[in-house]
C-alpha atoms as a PDB file:
ATOM      1  CA  UNK A   1     116.668 259.682 247.561  1.00  0.00           C
ATOM      2  CA  UNK A   2     116.658 257.313 244.614  1.00  0.00           C
ATOM      3  CA  UNK A   3     116.833 258.359 241.000  1.00  0.00           C
ATOM      4  CA  UNK A   4     115.574 255.687 238.631  1.00  0.00           C
ATOM      5  CA  UNK A   5     116.159 255.305 234.943  1.00  0.00           C
ATOM      6  CA  UNK A   6     113.631 256.928 232.615  1.00  0.00           C
ATOM      7  CA  UNK A   7     110.480 254.888 232.068  1.00  0.00           C
ATOM      8  CA  UNK A   8     110.517 252.676 229.017  1.00  0.00           C
ATOM      9  CA  UNK A   9     107.863 250.488 227.455  1.00  0.00           C
ATOM     10  CA  UNK A  10     104.940 252.607 228.648  1.00  0.00           C
ATOM     11  CA  UNK A  11     101.770 251.002 227.219  1.00  0.00           C
ATOM     12  CA  UNK A  12     100.429 254.229 225.693  1.00  0.00           C
ATOM     13  CA  UNK A  13      96.729 254.232 224.856  1.00  0.00           C
ATOM     14  CA  UNK A  14      95.786 251.045 226.757  1.00  0.00           C
ATOM     15  CA  UNK A  15      94.466 252.534 230.012  1.00  0.00           C
ATOM     16  CA  UNK A  16      94.333 249.252 231.916  1.00  0.00           C
ATOM     17  CA  UNK A  17      97.886 248.308 230.943  1.00  0.00           C
ATOM     18  CA  UNK A  18      99.074 251.855 231.711  1.00  0.00           C
ATOM     19  CA  UNK A  19      97.526 251.727 235.210  1.00  0.00           C
ATOM     20  CA  UNK A  20      99.102 248.321 235.870  1.00  0.00           C
ATOM     21  CA  UNK A  21     102.474 249.625 234.645  1.00  0.00           C
ATOM     22  CA  UNK A  22     102.408 252.668 236.940  1.00  0.00           C
ATOM     23  CA  UNK A  23     101.126 250.631 239.903  1.00  0.00           C
ATOM     24  CA  UNK A  24     104.025 248.197 239.475  1.00  0.00           C
ATOM     25  CA  UNK A  25     106.482 251.104 239.560  1.00  0.00           C
ATOM     26  CA  UNK A  26     104.848 252.524 242.701  1.00  0.00           C
ATOM     27  CA  UNK A  27     104.957 249.069 244.318  1.00  0.00           C
ATOM     28  CA  UNK A  28     108.657 248.717 243.482  1.00  0.00           C
ATOM     29  CA  UNK A  29     109.449 252.111 245.027  1.00  0.00           C
ATOM     30  CA  UNK A  30     107.453 251.371 248.190  1.00  0.00           C
ATOM     31  CA  UNK A  31     109.286 248.068 248.613  1.00  0.00           C
ATOM     32  CA  UNK A  32     112.592 249.900 248.291  1.00  0.00           C
ATOM     33  CA  UNK A  33     111.854 251.914 251.477  1.00  0.00           C
ATOM     34  CA  UNK A  34     108.510 250.843 253.026  1.00  0.00           C
ATOM     35  CA  UNK A  35     109.184 252.820 256.203  1.00  0.00           C
ATOM     36  CA  UNK A  36     108.879 256.024 254.187  1.00  0.00           C
ATOM     37  CA  UNK A  37     105.497 255.245 252.629  1.00  0.00           C
ATOM     38  CA  UNK A  38     102.384 257.012 253.941  1.00  0.00           C
ATOM     39  CA  UNK A  39     100.822 253.857 255.423  1.00  0.00           C
ATOM     40  CA  UNK A  40      98.379 255.772 257.616  1.00  0.00           C
ATOM     41  CA  UNK A  41      96.281 256.866 254.613  1.00  0.00           C
ATOM     42  CA  UNK A  42      93.124 254.775 254.742  1.00  0.00           C
ATOM     43  CA  UNK A  43      92.225 254.618 251.071  1.00  0.00           C
ATOM     44  CA  UNK A  44      89.407 252.095 251.524  1.00  0.00           C
ATOM     45  CA  UNK A  45      87.357 253.698 254.284  1.00  0.00           C
ATOM     46  CA  UNK A  46      84.214 251.651 253.739  1.00  0.00           C
ATOM     47  CA  UNK A  47      83.662 247.954 253.143  1.00  0.00           C
ATOM     48  CA  UNK A  48      80.648 245.992 251.972  1.00  0.00           C
ATOM     49  CA  UNK A  49      78.229 245.133 254.760  1.00  0.00           C
ATOM     50  CA  UNK A  50      79.536 242.228 256.815  1.00  0.00           C
ATOM     51  CA  UNK A  51      83.137 242.569 255.548  1.00  0.00           C
ATOM     52  CA  UNK A  52      85.924 243.158 258.054  1.00  0.00           C
ATOM     53  CA  UNK A  53      87.957 246.360 258.030  1.00  0.00           C
ATOM     54  CA  UNK A  54      91.213 246.201 256.107  1.00  0.00           C
ATOM     55  CA  UNK A  55      92.950 248.199 258.838  1.00  0.00           C
ATOM     56  CA  UNK A  56      92.406 246.186 262.032  1.00  0.00           C
END
């Protein structure tokens, strides 16, 4: 288990910046222990016609 420092510099009302900020934190935590991430969740189940699956 890892305990990180409290978040600082959260972008507040800017929704796009806030999403990017949180996604960066999630990415950092996944990279810390990728074997523990729920990789089997297929978030993008469908693709545009003619596009290859992201999971093959």
